[in-house]
Amino acid sequence: MDFIAKLAALAPPPRAHLTRFHGILAPNASLRAQLTPSGRGRRPATDAAPADGTAPTDHRNPAERQRSMTWAQRLKRVFNIDPTTCIRCGRAVRIVASIEEPNAIRAILATSQSTAH
């Protein structure tokens, strides 16, 4: 029982981030926006609204403000999988359908598994 209790203590709580950042990479760090490529994070006091009531100035262009990783970029970065390139021919892949019906997905996977062997 002691062993199981120790193992259970090591398991992270559900829906909790497994990576926690401290210091300048912490989500609320004042210098984080200057360090991260997308400029996300709390803006320093110098970027706060001026005393005259005008809107704060953002020195980033629209591309820098919108810069975030796509799901494909995240897969490539984390798992070294490139879903935008065909593994057989190396050409670019394009989405032709989005199948969300569970029964259809099961049927397609069952068919592909039976033909793969």
Protein backbone atom coordinates (compact mmCIF):
# COMPACT_ATOMS: atom_id res chain seq x y z
CA MET A 1 0.00 0.00 0.00
CA ASP A 2 2.87 2.38 0.75
CA PHE A 3 4.31 1.79 -2.72
CA ILE A 4 0.94 2.50 -4.39
CA ALA A 5 0.52 5.64 -2.27
CA LYS A 6 3.95 6.90 -3.38
CA LEU A 7 3.13 6.19 -7.03
CA ALA A 8 -0.21 7.95 -6.74
CA ALA A 9 1.51 11.01 -5.27
CA LEU A 10 3.73 11.20 -8.37
CA ALA A 11 0.81 11.18 -10.82
CA PRO A 12 -0.12 14.70 -11.93
CA PRO A 13 -3.66 15.92 -11.33
CA PRO A 14 -6.00 15.75 -14.34
CA ARG A 15 -5.84 18.62 -16.84
CA ALA A 16 -2.75 20.10 -15.15
CA HIS A 17 0.19 21.44 -17.12
CA LEU A 18 3.21 19.21 -16.72
CA THR A 19 5.66 22.02 -17.45
CA ARG A 20 5.72 25.01 -15.15
CA PHE A 21 7.77 28.06 -15.94
CA HIS A 22 9.33 30.35 -13.35
CA GLY A 23 11.28 33.55 -13.56
CA ILE A 24 11.28 35.38 -16.88
CA LEU A 25 9.31 32.59 -18.63
CA ALA A 26 6.49 32.62 -16.07
CA PRO A 27 3.11 33.57 -17.60
CA ASN A 28 2.87 36.81 -15.62
CA ALA A 29 6.53 37.90 -15.87
CA SER A 30 6.95 41.52 -16.90
CA LEU A 31 9.81 40.77 -19.34
CA ARG A 32 8.25 37.66 -20.93
CA ALA A 33 6.72 39.61 -23.85
CA GLN A 34 10.20 40.79 -24.85
CA LEU A 35 11.61 37.27 -24.76
CA THR A 36 8.96 35.10 -26.43
CA PRO A 37 8.76 35.06 -30.25
CA SER A 38 5.04 35.88 -30.30
CA GLY A 39 5.42 38.67 -27.74
CA ARG A 40 2.92 37.06 -25.42
CA GLY A 41 2.93 37.91 -21.77
CA ARG A 42 2.19 40.84 -19.55
CA ARG A 43 3.34 44.12 -21.02
CA PRO A 44 5.83 46.12 -18.97
CA ALA A 45 4.66 49.30 -17.24
CA THR A 46 6.11 51.39 -20.09
CA ASP A 47 3.49 49.91 -22.46
CA ALA A 48 0.62 50.72 -20.11
CA ALA A 49 -2.03 53.25 -21.08
CA PRO A 50 -0.70 56.81 -21.02
CA ALA A 51 -2.04 59.23 -18.42
CA ASP A 52 -3.85 61.30 -21.09
CA GLY A 53 -6.28 58.42 -21.73
CA THR A 54 -5.10 57.45 -25.21
CA ALA A 55 -4.71 53.81 -26.18
CA PRO A 56 -1.39 52.13 -25.41
CA THR A 57 0.99 51.82 -28.34
CA ASP A 58 1.90 48.34 -29.53
CA HIS A 59 5.18 48.37 -31.41
CA ARG A 60 4.61 44.95 -32.99
CA ASN A 61 3.29 44.59 -36.53
CA PRO A 62 0.11 42.52 -37.17
CA ALA A 63 2.15 39.45 -38.19
CA GLU A 64 4.06 39.53 -34.89
CA ARG A 65 0.83 39.91 -32.91
CA GLN A 66 -0.76 36.95 -34.69
CA ARG A 67 2.31 34.72 -34.60
CA SER A 68 1.44 31.47 -32.89
CA MET A 69 2.23 27.93 -33.83
CA THR A 70 -0.21 25.92 -35.93
CA TRP A 71 -1.14 22.39 -34.88
CA ALA A 72 1.11 21.04 -37.61
CA GLN A 73 4.07 23.11 -36.37
CA ARG A 74 3.44 21.91 -32.81
CA LEU A 75 3.35 18.25 -33.91
CA LYS A 76 6.59 18.69 -35.81
CA ARG A 77 8.29 20.46 -32.92
CA VAL A 78 7.16 18.12 -30.15
CA PHE A 79 6.93 14.70 -31.81
CA ASN A 80 9.06 15.24 -34.95
CA ILE A 81 6.01 14.43 -37.10
CA ASP A 82 5.32 16.51 -40.20
CA PRO A 83 1.62 16.07 -41.06
CA THR A 84 1.93 18.47 -43.99
CA THR A 85 4.21 16.14 -45.97
CA CYS A 86 3.28 12.75 -47.42
CA ILE A 87 5.42 9.98 -45.93
CA ARG A 88 5.31 8.00 -49.18
CA CYS A 89 6.04 10.57 -51.90
CA GLY A 90 7.25 13.62 -49.93
CA ARG A 91 4.79 16.02 -51.55
CA ALA A 92 2.59 18.46 -49.65
CA VAL A 93 -0.57 17.01 -48.12
CA ARG A 94 -3.90 18.78 -48.42
CA ILE A 95 -7.04 18.19 -46.39
CA VAL A 96 -9.86 16.81 -48.52
CA ALA A 97 -12.34 15.92 -45.74
CA SER A 98 -12.89 16.14 -42.02
CA ILE A 99 -14.57 12.98 -40.79
CA GLU A 100 -16.02 13.35 -37.32
CA GLU A 101 -18.62 10.56 -37.18
CA PRO A 102 -17.24 7.86 -34.81
CA ASN A 103 -18.79 4.94 -36.74
CA ALA A 104 -17.27 6.15 -40.02
CA ILE A 105 -13.86 6.56 -38.38
CA ARG A 106 -14.01 3.02 -36.97
CA ALA A 107 -14.97 1.62 -40.38
CA ILE A 108 -12.13 3.46 -42.13
CA LEU A 109 -9.57 2.38 -39.53
CA ALA A 110 -10.77 -1.23 -39.62
CA THR A 111 -10.49 -1.25 -43.42
CA SER A 112 -7.01 0.30 -43.40
CA GLN A 113 -5.76 -2.13 -40.74
CA SER A 114 -7.05 -5.16 -42.62
CA THR A 115 -5.40 -4.04 -45.88
CA ALA A 116 -2.10 -3.16 -44.19
CA HIS A 117 -1.38 -6.77 -43.21
